[in-house]
C-alpha atoms as a PDB file:
ATOM      1  CA  MET A   1       0.000   0.000   0.000  1.00  0.00           C
ATOM      2  CA  LEU A   2       2.829   2.382   0.826  1.00  0.00           C
ATOM      3  CA  GLU A   3       4.479   1.706  -2.532  1.00  0.00           C
ATOM      4  CA  ILE A   4       1.282   2.763  -4.291  1.00  0.00           C
ATOM      5  CA  LEU A   5       1.181   6.008  -2.297  1.00  0.00           C
ATOM      6  CA  ILE A   6       4.844   6.710  -3.051  1.00  0.00           C
ATOM      7  CA  SER A   7       4.245   5.978  -6.729  1.00  0.00           C
ATOM      8  CA  LEU A   8       1.242   8.299  -6.743  1.00  0.00           C
ATOM      9  CA  PHE A   9       3.251  11.158  -5.248  1.00  0.00           C
ATOM     10  CA  LEU A  10       6.070  10.542  -7.747  1.00  0.00           C
ATOM     11  CA  LEU A  11       3.620  10.540 -10.648  1.00  0.00           C
ATOM     12  CA  ILE A  12       1.835  13.688  -9.514  1.00  0.00           C
ATOM     13  CA  GLY A  13       5.149  15.425  -8.843  1.00  0.00           C
ATOM     14  CA  GLY A  14       6.482  14.413 -12.246  1.00  0.00           C
ATOM     15  CA  ILE A  15       3.356  15.688 -14.002  1.00  0.00           C
ATOM     16  CA  PHE A  16       3.545  19.053 -12.236  1.00  0.00           C
ATOM     17  CA  ALA A  17       7.265  19.353 -13.023  1.00  0.00           C
ATOM     18  CA  LEU A  18       6.601  18.518 -16.682  1.00  0.00           C
ATOM     19  CA  ILE A  19       3.799  21.076 -16.937  1.00  0.00           C
ATOM     20  CA  GLY A  20       6.008  23.730 -15.336  1.00  0.00           C
ATOM     21  CA  SER A  21       8.871  22.945 -17.694  1.00  0.00           C
ATOM     22  CA  ILE A  22       6.619  23.093 -20.745  1.00  0.00           C
ATOM     23  CA  GLY A  23       5.244  26.412 -19.511  1.00  0.00           C
ATOM     24  CA  LEU A  24       8.783  27.731 -19.130  1.00  0.00           C
ATOM     25  CA  ALA A  25       9.644  26.761 -22.685  1.00  0.00           C
ATOM     26  CA  ARG A  26       6.400  27.773 -24.401  1.00  0.00           C
ATOM     27  CA  MET A  27       5.404  31.080 -22.839  1.00  0.00           C
ATOM     28  CA  PRO A  28       6.327  34.105 -24.949  1.00  0.00           C
ATOM     29  CA  ASP A  29       7.157  36.687 -22.258  1.00  0.00           C
ATOM     30  CA  LEU A  30       9.488  36.562 -19.261  1.00  0.00           C
ATOM     31  CA  PHE A  31       6.712  37.508 -16.866  1.00  0.00           C
ATOM     32  CA  MET A  32       4.570  34.627 -18.104  1.00  0.00           C
ATOM     33  CA  ARG A  33       7.549  32.271 -17.986  1.00  0.00           C
ATOM     34  CA  LEU A  34       7.972  32.921 -14.278  1.00  0.00           C
ATOM     35  CA  HIS A  35       4.693  31.152 -13.498  1.00  0.00           C
ATOM     36  CA  GLY A  36       5.899  27.756 -14.757  1.00  0.00           C
ATOM     37  CA  PRO A  37       8.918  27.238 -12.540  1.00  0.00           C
ATOM     38  CA  THR A  38       7.619  29.094  -9.501  1.00  0.00           C
ATOM     39  CA  LYS A  39       4.238  27.450  -9.244  1.00  0.00           C
ATOM     40  CA  ALA A  40       3.922  24.140 -11.065  1.00  0.00           C
ATOM     41  CA  THR A  41       7.518  23.025 -10.788  1.00  0.00           C
ATOM     42  CA  THR A  42       7.635  23.895  -7.096  1.00  0.00           C
ATOM     43  CA  LEU A  43       4.577  21.709  -6.533  1.00  0.00           C
ATOM     44  CA  GLY A  44       6.179  18.965  -8.617  1.00  0.00           C
ATOM     45  CA  VAL A  45       9.371  18.949  -6.621  1.00  0.00           C
ATOM     46  CA  GLY A  46       7.280  19.077  -3.449  1.00  0.00           C
ATOM     47  CA  GLY A  47       5.425  15.913  -4.492  1.00  0.00           C
ATOM     48  CA  ILE A  48       8.651  14.127  -5.306  1.00  0.00           C
ATOM     49  CA  LEU A  49      10.135  15.138  -1.952  1.00  0.00           C
ATOM     50  CA  ILE A  50       7.033  13.876  -0.116  1.00  0.00           C
ATOM     51  CA  ALA A  51       7.487  10.533  -1.868  1.00  0.00           C
ATOM     52  CA  SER A  52      11.140  10.540  -0.807  1.00  0.00           C
ATOM     53  CA  VAL A  53      10.204  11.266   2.816  1.00  0.00           C
ATOM     54  CA  LEU A  54       7.740   8.371   2.795  1.00  0.00           C
ATOM     55  CA  HIS A  55      10.240   5.993   1.206  1.00  0.00           C
ATOM     56  CA  PHE A  56      13.209   6.716   3.450  1.00  0.00           C
ATOM     57  CA  SER A  57      11.115   6.980   6.616  1.00  0.00           C
ATOM     58  CA  ASN A  58       9.684   3.531   5.890  1.00  0.00           C
ATOM     59  CA  ARG A  59      13.155   1.925   5.803  1.00  0.00           C
ATOM     60  CA  GLY A  60      13.341   2.031   9.586  1.00  0.00           C
ATOM     61  CA  ASP A  61      15.831   4.872   9.996  1.00  0.00           C
ATOM     62  CA  GLY A  62      13.188   7.126  11.547  1.00  0.00           C
ATOM     63  CA  LEU A  63      11.744  10.287  10.081  1.00  0.00           C
ATOM     64  CA  SER A  64      13.826  11.635   7.230  1.00  0.00           C
ATOM     65  CA  LEU A  65      14.285  15.369   7.765  1.00  0.00           C
ATOM     66  CA  HIS A  66      16.661  16.101   4.885  1.00  0.00           C
ATOM     67  CA  GLU A  67      13.793  16.220   2.404  1.00  0.00           C
ATOM     68  CA  LEU A  68      11.809  18.513   4.673  1.00  0.00           C
ATOM     69  CA  LEU A  69      14.715  20.945   4.771  1.00  0.00           C
ATOM     70  CA  VAL A  70      15.006  20.843   0.979  1.00  0.00           C
ATOM     71  CA  THR A  71      11.256  21.492   0.687  1.00  0.00           C
ATOM     72  CA  LEU A  72      11.440  24.428   3.076  1.00  0.00           C
ATOM     73  CA  PHE A  73      14.395  25.886   1.189  1.00  0.00           C
ATOM     74  CA  LEU A  74      12.577  25.471  -2.136  1.00  0.00           C
ATOM     75  CA  PHE A  75       9.328  27.030  -0.920  1.00  0.00           C
ATOM     76  CA  ILE A  76      11.240  30.014   0.455  1.00  0.00           C
ATOM     77  CA  THR A  77      13.657  30.629  -2.423  1.00  0.00           C
ATOM     78  CA  ALA A  78      11.402  30.049  -5.466  1.00  0.00           C
ATOM     79  CA  PRO A  79       9.041  33.004  -4.838  1.00  0.00           C
ATOM     80  CA  ILE A  80      11.884  35.289  -3.797  1.00  0.00           C
ATOM     81  CA  SER A  81      13.940  34.524  -6.897  1.00  0.00           C
ATOM     82  CA  ALA A  82      10.875  34.998  -9.133  1.00  0.00           C
ATOM     83  CA  TYR A  83      10.222  38.355  -7.469  1.00  0.00           C
ATOM     84  CA  LEU A  84      13.798  39.487  -7.998  1.00  0.00           C
ATOM     85  CA  ILE A  85      13.778  38.399 -11.652  1.00  0.00           C
ATOM     86  CA  ALA A  86      10.502  40.259 -12.252  1.00  0.00           C
ATOM     87  CA  ARG A  87      11.827  43.393 -10.546  1.00  0.00           C
ATOM     88  CA  ALA A  88      15.005  43.278 -12.645  1.00  0.00           C
ATOM     89  CA  MET A  89      12.929  42.931 -15.821  1.00  0.00           C
ATOM     90  CA  LEU A  90      10.722  45.860 -14.811  1.00  0.00           C
ATOM     91  CA  HIS A  91      13.843  47.909 -14.131  1.00  0.00           C
ATOM     92  CA  LEU A  92      15.333  47.046 -17.544  1.00  0.00           C
ATOM     93  CA  ARG A  93      12.057  47.762 -19.305  1.00  0.00           C
ATOM     94  CA  GLY A  94      11.857  51.139 -17.610  1.00  0.00           C
ATOM     95  CA  ASP A  95      15.320  52.085 -18.887  1.00  0.00           C
ATOM     96  CA  LYS A  96      14.394  51.265 -22.494  1.00  0.00           C
ATOM     97  CA  ASP A  97      11.252  53.405 -22.433  1.00  0.00           C
ATOM     98  CA  ALA A  98      13.109  56.520 -21.246  1.00  0.00           C
END
């Protein structure tokens, strides 16, 4: 039963990561391209990390906290980096209009 749950989280995470990657490649503007990696791909990596927590915690070593730290780092840095990229693009666009 646990293997099915782990497989489900891996599949859902992979689908979200694929959708985010396709969005990154297909969107025409930088501002639209930010939505793919910051939203869908973050959820995809989160699903894969949940599957990893379940797998390694089931092996008998206790609760695996490494994946939780990676998830926390990802959920903190992805929105901040997207914000900084968008602000830099707005700054560059403002210089071209002047």
